[in-house]
Amino acid sequence: SCRWLGNATGPVEGARFRGTNRHGLLRW
């Protein structure tokens, strides 16, 4: 999953988002 951070709601330069990843049982 990914979610926008702060006031970001879409793709503009400087916008930040958090990505959640998984490989097997490992998550980060």
PDB file of all heavy atoms in Angstrom:
ATOM      1  N   SER A   1       0.848  -1.192   0.000  1.00  0.00           N
ATOM      2  CA  SER A   1       0.000   0.000   0.000  1.00  0.00           C
ATOM      3  C   SER A   1       0.882   1.240   0.000  1.00  0.00           C
ATOM      4  O   SER A   1       2.049   1.187   0.360  1.00  0.00           O
ATOM      5  CB  SER A   1      -0.931   0.019   1.218  1.00  0.00           C
ATOM      6  OG  SER A   1      -0.169   0.152   2.406  1.00  0.00           O
ATOM      7  N   CYS A   2       0.275   2.350  -0.416  1.00  0.00           N
ATOM      8  CA  CYS A   2       0.918   3.660  -0.345  1.00  0.00           C
ATOM      9  C   CYS A   2      -0.147   4.657   0.093  1.00  0.00           C
ATOM     10  O   CYS A   2      -1.318   4.517  -0.272  1.00  0.00           O
ATOM     11  CB  CYS A   2       1.475   4.099  -1.700  1.00  0.00           C
ATOM     12  SG  CYS A   2       2.834   3.102  -2.316  1.00  0.00           S
ATOM     13  N   ARG A   3       0.290   5.649   0.866  1.00  0.00           N
ATOM     14  CA  ARG A   3      -0.647   6.708   1.252  1.00  0.00           C
ATOM     15  C   ARG A   3       0.110   8.032   1.259  1.00  0.00           C
ATOM     16  O   ARG A   3       1.283   8.102   1.606  1.00  0.00           O
ATOM     17  CB  ARG A   3      -1.291   6.429   2.593  1.00  0.00           C
ATOM     18  CG  ARG A   3      -0.364   6.445   3.771  1.00  0.00           C
ATOM     19  CD  ARG A   3      -1.095   6.181   5.096  1.00  0.00           C
ATOM     20  NE  ARG A   3      -0.155   6.040   6.185  1.00  0.00           N
ATOM     21  CZ  ARG A   3       0.379   7.044   6.861  1.00  0.00           C
ATOM     22  NH1 ARG A   3       0.067   8.291   6.550  1.00  0.00           N
ATOM     23  NH2 ARG A   3       1.227   6.834   7.835  1.00  0.00           N
ATOM     24  N   TRP A   4      -0.618   9.054   0.801  1.00  0.00           N
ATOM     25  CA  TRP A   4      -0.035  10.391   0.759  1.00  0.00           C
ATOM     26  C   TRP A   4       0.180  10.897   2.179  1.00  0.00           C
ATOM     27  O   TRP A   4      -0.611  10.602   3.080  1.00  0.00           O
ATOM     28  CB  TRP A   4      -0.938  11.342  -0.021  1.00  0.00           C
ATOM     29  CG  TRP A   4      -1.044  10.990  -1.472  1.00  0.00           C
ATOM     30  CD1 TRP A   4      -2.114  10.448  -2.116  1.00  0.00           C
ATOM     31  CD2 TRP A   4      -0.018  11.149  -2.459  1.00  0.00           C
ATOM     32  NE1 TRP A   4      -1.825  10.253  -3.450  1.00  0.00           N
ATOM     33  CE2 TRP A   4      -0.545  10.668  -3.685  1.00  0.00           C
ATOM     34  CE3 TRP A   4       1.276  11.633  -2.443  1.00  0.00           C
ATOM     35  CZ2 TRP A   4       0.180  10.671  -4.866  1.00  0.00           C
ATOM     36  CZ3 TRP A   4       2.012  11.634  -3.622  1.00  0.00           C
ATOM     37  CH2 TRP A   4       1.470  11.162  -4.814  1.00  0.00           C
ATOM     38  N   LEU A   5       1.240  11.677   2.376  1.00  0.00           N
ATOM     39  CA  LEU A   5       1.568  12.237   3.692  1.00  0.00           C
ATOM     40  C   LEU A   5       1.313  13.735   3.715  1.00  0.00           C
ATOM     41  O   LEU A   5       1.355  14.396   2.680  1.00  0.00           O
ATOM     42  CB  LEU A   5       3.042  11.963   4.020  1.00  0.00           C
ATOM     43  CG  LEU A   5       3.451  10.495   4.128  1.00  0.00           C
ATOM     44  CD1 LEU A   5       4.959  10.381   4.323  1.00  0.00           C
ATOM     45  CD2 LEU A   5       2.706   9.813   5.274  1.00  0.00           C
ATOM     46  N   GLY A   6       1.097  14.250   4.908  1.00  0.00           N
ATOM     47  CA  GLY A   6       0.876  15.689   5.068  1.00  0.00           C
ATOM     48  C   GLY A   6      -0.363  16.125   4.325  1.00  0.00           C
ATOM     49  O   GLY A   6      -1.396  15.469   4.374  1.00  0.00           O
ATOM     50  N   ASN A   7      -0.252  17.230   3.616  1.00  0.00           N
ATOM     51  CA  ASN A   7      -1.381  17.763   2.855  1.00  0.00           C
ATOM     52  C   ASN A   7      -1.431  17.243   1.425  1.00  0.00           C
ATOM     53  O   ASN A   7      -2.277  17.671   0.646  1.00  0.00           O
ATOM     54  CB  ASN A   7      -1.313  19.299   2.825  1.00  0.00           C
ATOM     55  CG  ASN A   7      -1.505  19.884   4.207  1.00  0.00           C
ATOM     56  OD1 ASN A   7      -2.239  19.331   5.016  1.00  0.00           O
ATOM     57  ND2 ASN A   7      -0.825  20.995   4.473  1.00  0.00           N
ATOM     58  N   ALA A   8      -0.523  16.335   1.073  1.00  0.00           N
ATOM     59  CA  ALA A   8      -0.476  15.827  -0.298  1.00  0.00           C
ATOM     60  C   ALA A   8      -1.704  14.969  -0.595  1.00  0.00           C
ATOM     61  O   ALA A   8      -2.133  14.177   0.239  1.00  0.00           O
ATOM     62  CB  ALA A   8       0.784  15.002  -0.512  1.00  0.00           C
ATOM     63  N   THR A   9      -2.264  15.171  -1.773  1.00  0.00           N
ATOM     64  CA  THR A   9      -3.425  14.382  -2.209  1.00  0.00           C
ATOM     65  C   THR A   9      -3.234  13.806  -3.601  1.00  0.00           C
ATOM     66  O   THR A   9      -4.113  13.127  -4.108  1.00  0.00           O
ATOM     67  CB  THR A   9      -4.704  15.242  -2.206  1.00  0.00           C
ATOM     68  OG1 THR A   9      -4.504  16.349  -3.080  1.00  0.00           O
ATOM     69  CG2 THR A   9      -5.047  15.731  -0.804  1.00  0.00           C
ATOM     70  N   GLY A  10      -2.096  14.097  -4.211  1.00  0.00           N
ATOM     71  CA  GLY A  10      -1.855  13.615  -5.561  1.00  0.00           C
ATOM     72  C   GLY A  10      -0.437  13.892  -6.000  1.00  0.00           C
ATOM     73  O   GLY A  10       0.361  14.461  -5.250  1.00  0.00           O
ATOM     74  N   PRO A  11      -0.125  13.495  -7.228  1.00  0.00           N
ATOM     75  CA  PRO A  11       1.243  13.557  -7.728  1.00  0.00           C
ATOM     76  C   PRO A  11       1.683  14.954  -8.164  1.00  0.00           C
ATOM     77  O   PRO A  11       1.351  15.405  -9.255  1.00  0.00           O
ATOM     78  CB  PRO A  11       1.214  12.602  -8.914  1.00  0.00           C
ATOM     79  CG  PRO A  11      -0.193  12.681  -9.412  1.00  0.00           C
ATOM     80  CD  PRO A  11      -1.036  12.887  -8.191  1.00  0.00           C
ATOM     81  N   VAL A  12       2.404  15.625  -7.297  1.00  0.00           N
ATOM     82  CA  VAL A  12       3.060  16.889  -7.642  1.00  0.00           C
ATOM     83  C   VAL A  12       4.482  16.800  -7.098  1.00  0.00           C
ATOM     84  O   VAL A  12       4.728  16.114  -6.100  1.00  0.00           O
ATOM     85  CB  VAL A  12       2.339  18.130  -7.058  1.00  0.00           C
ATOM     86  CG1 VAL A  12       0.951  18.294  -7.654  1.00  0.00           C
ATOM     87  CG2 VAL A  12       2.278  18.079  -5.559  1.00  0.00           C
ATOM     88  N   GLU A  13       5.393  17.460  -7.776  1.00  0.00           N
ATOM     89  CA  GLU A  13       6.779  17.438  -7.309  1.00  0.00           C
ATOM     90  C   GLU A  13       6.844  17.942  -5.878  1.00  0.00           C
ATOM     91  O   GLU A  13       6.232  18.943  -5.532  1.00  0.00           O
ATOM     92  CB  GLU A  13       7.664  18.261  -8.233  1.00  0.00           C
ATOM     93  CG  GLU A  13       7.847  17.573  -9.573  1.00  0.00           C
ATOM     94  CD  GLU A  13       8.802  18.294 -10.498  1.00  0.00           C
ATOM     95  OE1 GLU A  13       9.666  19.059 -10.011  1.00  0.00           O
ATOM     96  OE2 GLU A  13       8.698  18.089 -11.711  1.00  0.00           O
ATOM     97  N   GLY A  14       7.573  17.196  -5.038  1.00  0.00           N
ATOM     98  CA  GLY A  14       7.720  17.535  -3.629  1.00  0.00           C
ATOM     99  C   GLY A  14       6.728  16.824  -2.718  1.00  0.00           C
ATOM    100  O   GLY A  14       6.938  16.771  -1.509  1.00  0.00           O
ATOM    101  N   ALA A  15       5.642  16.285  -3.273  1.00  0.00           N
ATOM    102  CA  ALA A  15       4.671  15.551  -2.451  1.00  0.00           C
ATOM    103  C   ALA A  15       5.348  14.302  -1.901  1.00  0.00           C
ATOM    104  O   ALA A  15       6.212  13.701  -2.533  1.00  0.00           O
ATOM    105  CB  ALA A  15       3.450  15.175  -3.284  1.00  0.00           C
ATOM    106  N   ARG A  16       4.926  13.923  -0.689  1.00  0.00           N
ATOM    107  CA  ARG A  16       5.512  12.749  -0.057  1.00  0.00           C
ATOM    108  C   ARG A  16       4.443  11.695   0.201  1.00  0.00           C
ATOM    109  O   ARG A  16       3.285  12.028   0.422  1.00  0.00           O
ATOM    110  CB  ARG A  16       6.188  13.147   1.254  1.00  0.00           C
ATOM    111  CG  ARG A  16       7.388  14.050   1.022  1.00  0.00           C
ATOM    112  CD  ARG A  16       8.040  14.608   2.290  1.00  0.00           C
ATOM    113  NE  ARG A  16       7.538  14.134   3.544  1.00  0.00           N
ATOM    114  CZ  ARG A  16       8.251  13.434   4.434  1.00  0.00           C
ATOM    115  NH1 ARG A  16       9.500  13.117   4.172  1.00  0.00           N
ATOM    116  NH2 ARG A  16       7.727  13.066   5.574  1.00  0.00           N
ATOM    117  N   PHE A  17       4.869  10.446   0.159  1.00  0.00           N
ATOM    118  CA  PHE A  17       3.970   9.351   0.499  1.00  0.00           C
ATOM    119  C   PHE A  17       4.740   8.239   1.198  1.00  0.00           C
ATOM    120  O   PHE A  17       5.958   8.160   1.113  1.00  0.00           O
ATOM    121  CB  PHE A  17       3.224   8.818  -0.731  1.00  0.00           C
ATOM    122  CG  PHE A  17       4.073   8.238  -1.832  1.00  0.00           C
ATOM    123  CD1 PHE A  17       4.322   6.877  -1.901  1.00  0.00           C
ATOM    124  CD2 PHE A  17       4.596   9.046  -2.835  1.00  0.00           C
ATOM    125  CE1 PHE A  17       5.075   6.326  -2.924  1.00  0.00           C
ATOM    126  CE2 PHE A  17       5.353   8.506  -3.873  1.00  0.00           C
ATOM    127  CZ  PHE A  17       5.601   7.141  -3.911  1.00  0.00           C
ATOM    128  N   ARG A  18       4.014   7.433   1.941  1.00  0.00           N
ATOM    129  CA  ARG A  18       4.603   6.291   2.635  1.00  0.00           C
ATOM    130  C   ARG A  18       4.228   5.032   1.878  1.00  0.00           C
ATOM    131  O   ARG A  18       3.063   4.806   1.561  1.00  0.00           O
ATOM    132  CB  ARG A  18       4.111   6.190   4.062  1.00  0.00           C
ATOM    133  CG  ARG A  18       4.597   4.921   4.737  1.00  0.00           C
ATOM    134  CD  ARG A  18       4.893   4.928   6.206  1.00  0.00           C
ATOM    135  NE  ARG A  18       5.013   6.163   6.910  1.00  0.00           N
ATOM    136  CZ  ARG A  18       6.154   6.864   7.079  1.00  0.00           C
ATOM    137  NH1 ARG A  18       7.275   6.442   6.546  1.00  0.00           N
ATOM    138  NH2 ARG A  18       6.167   7.970   7.774  1.00  0.00           N
ATOM    139  N   GLY A  19       5.236   4.210   1.601  1.00  0.00           N
ATOM    140  CA  GLY A  19       5.010   2.927   0.945  1.00  0.00           C
ATOM    141  C   GLY A  19       5.229   1.802   1.941  1.00  0.00           C
ATOM    142  O   GLY A  19       6.207   1.810   2.680  1.00  0.00           O
ATOM    143  N   THR A  20       4.308   0.867   1.986  1.00  0.00           N
ATOM    144  CA  THR A  20       4.433  -0.304   2.841  1.00  0.00           C
ATOM    145  C   THR A  20       4.675  -1.506   1.950  1.00  0.00           C
ATOM    146  O   THR A  20       3.928  -1.734   0.990  1.00  0.00           O
ATOM    147  CB  THR A  20       3.158  -0.499   3.688  1.00  0.00           C
ATOM    148  OG1 THR A  20       2.957   0.685   4.459  1.00  0.00           O
ATOM    149  CG2 THR A  20       3.281  -1.695   4.608  1.00  0.00           C
ATOM    150  N   ASN A  21       5.715  -2.255   2.254  1.00  0.00           N
ATOM    151  CA  ASN A  21       6.156  -3.356   1.409  1.00  0.00           C
ATOM    152  C   ASN A  21       6.166  -4.667   2.181  1.00  0.00           C
ATOM    153  O   ASN A  21       6.267  -4.683   3.406  1.00  0.00           O
ATOM    154  CB  ASN A  21       7.567  -3.071   0.885  1.00  0.00           C
ATOM    155  CG  ASN A  21       7.631  -1.754   0.160  1.00  0.00           C
ATOM    156  OD1 ASN A  21       7.042  -1.605  -0.894  1.00  0.00           O
ATOM    157  ND2 ASN A  21       8.319  -0.781   0.734  1.00  0.00           N
ATOM    158  N   ARG A  22       6.116  -5.749   1.398  1.00  0.00           N
ATOM    159  CA  ARG A  22       6.156  -7.072   2.005  1.00  0.00           C
ATOM    160  C   ARG A  22       6.860  -8.035   1.070  1.00  0.00           C
ATOM    161  O   ARG A  22       6.622  -8.040  -0.141  1.00  0.00           O
ATOM    162  CB  ARG A  22       4.740  -7.569   2.275  1.00  0.00           C
ATOM    163  CG  ARG A  22       4.708  -8.936   2.897  1.00  0.00           C
ATOM    164  CD  ARG A  22       3.299  -9.358   3.194  1.00  0.00           C
ATOM    165  NE  ARG A  22       3.314 -10.721   3.695  1.00  0.00           N
ATOM    166  CZ  ARG A  22       2.238 -11.422   3.931  1.00  0.00           C
ATOM    167  NH1 ARG A  22       1.046 -10.903   3.739  1.00  0.00           N
ATOM    168  NH2 ARG A  22       2.330 -12.642   4.381  1.00  0.00           N
ATOM    169  N   HIS A  23       7.716  -8.858   1.653  1.00  0.00           N
ATOM    170  CA  HIS A  23       8.365  -9.955   0.944  1.00  0.00           C
ATOM    171  C   HIS A  23       8.302 -11.154   1.880  1.00  0.00           C
ATOM    172  O   HIS A  23       8.943 -11.166   2.928  1.00  0.00           O
ATOM    173  CB  HIS A  23       9.808  -9.607   0.587  1.00  0.00           C
ATOM    174  CG  HIS A  23      10.527 -10.716  -0.115  1.00  0.00           C
ATOM    175  ND1 HIS A  23      10.227 -11.099  -1.400  1.00  0.00           N
ATOM    176  CD2 HIS A  23      11.518 -11.532   0.293  1.00  0.00           C
ATOM    177  CE1 HIS A  23      11.008 -12.094  -1.745  1.00  0.00           C
ATOM    178  NE2 HIS A  23      11.802 -12.378  -0.731  1.00  0.00           N
ATOM    179  N   GLY A  24       7.492 -12.128   1.511  1.00  0.00           N
ATOM    180  CA  GLY A  24       7.282 -13.265   2.410  1.00  0.00           C
ATOM    181  C   GLY A  24       6.643 -12.781   3.699  1.00  0.00           C
ATOM    182  O   GLY A  24       5.641 -12.064   3.674  1.00  0.00           O
ATOM    183  N   LEU A  25       7.239 -13.112   4.814  1.00  0.00           N
ATOM    184  CA  LEU A  25       6.713 -12.683   6.120  1.00  0.00           C
ATOM    185  C   LEU A  25       7.266 -11.328   6.558  1.00  0.00           C
ATOM    186  O   LEU A  25       6.804 -10.774   7.551  1.00  0.00           O
ATOM    187  CB  LEU A  25       7.034 -13.733   7.187  1.00  0.00           C
ATOM    188  CG  LEU A  25       6.397 -15.104   6.975  1.00  0.00           C
ATOM    189  CD1 LEU A  25       6.877 -16.089   8.034  1.00  0.00           C
ATOM    190  CD2 LEU A  25       4.877 -15.000   6.990  1.00  0.00           C
ATOM    191  N   LEU A  26       8.255 -10.823   5.839  1.00  0.00           N
ATOM    192  CA  LEU A  26       8.910  -9.567   6.223  1.00  0.00           C
ATOM    193  C   LEU A  26       8.145  -8.363   5.688  1.00  0.00           C
ATOM    194  O   LEU A  26       7.676  -8.369   4.551  1.00  0.00           O
ATOM    195  CB  LEU A  26      10.347  -9.552   5.712  1.00  0.00           C
ATOM    196  CG  LEU A  26      11.219 -10.699   6.245  1.00  0.00           C
ATOM    197  CD1 LEU A  26      12.562 -10.704   5.542  1.00  0.00           C
ATOM    198  CD2 LEU A  26      11.402 -10.588   7.747  1.00  0.00           C
ATOM    199  N   ARG A  27       8.053  -7.329   6.522  1.00  0.00           N
ATOM    200  CA  ARG A  27       7.364  -6.091   6.148  1.00  0.00           C
ATOM    201  C   ARG A  27       8.217  -4.895   6.548  1.00  0.00           C
ATOM    202  O   ARG A  27       8.894  -4.928   7.565  1.00  0.00           O
ATOM    203  CB  ARG A  27       6.017  -5.987   6.868  1.00  0.00           C
ATOM    204  CG  ARG A  27       5.044  -7.057   6.508  1.00  0.00           C
ATOM    205  CD  ARG A  27       3.832  -6.997   7.451  1.00  0.00           C
ATOM    206  NE  ARG A  27       3.007  -8.165   7.284  1.00  0.00           N
ATOM    207  CZ  ARG A  27       1.842  -8.164   6.648  1.00  0.00           C
ATOM    208  NH1 ARG A  27       1.372  -7.064   6.127  1.00  0.00           N
ATOM    209  NH2 ARG A  27       1.151  -9.279   6.535  1.00  0.00           N
ATOM    210  N   TRP A  28       8.125  -3.827   5.744  1.00  0.00           N
ATOM    211  CA  TRP A  28       8.830  -2.587   6.056  1.00  0.00           C
ATOM    212  C   TRP A  28       8.154  -1.442   5.320  1.00  0.00           C
ATOM    213  O   TRP A  28       7.415  -1.641   4.373  1.00  0.00           O
ATOM    214  CB  TRP A  28      10.314  -2.691   5.693  1.00  0.00           C
ATOM    215  CG  TRP A  28      10.581  -2.821   4.233  1.00  0.00           C
ATOM    216  CD1 TRP A  28      10.903  -1.812   3.364  1.00  0.00           C
ATOM    217  CD2 TRP A  28      10.524  -4.019   3.439  1.00  0.00           C
ATOM    218  NE1 TRP A  28      11.044  -2.302   2.084  1.00  0.00           N
ATOM    219  CE2 TRP A  28      10.820  -3.663   2.104  1.00  0.00           C
ATOM    220  CE3 TRP A  28      10.242  -5.348   3.726  1.00  0.00           C
ATOM    221  CZ2 TRP A  28      10.851  -4.584   1.073  1.00  0.00           C
ATOM    222  CZ3 TRP A  28      10.282  -6.267   2.694  1.00  0.00           C
ATOM    223  CH2 TRP A  28      10.578  -5.889   1.390  1.00  0.00           C
TER     224      TRP A  28
END
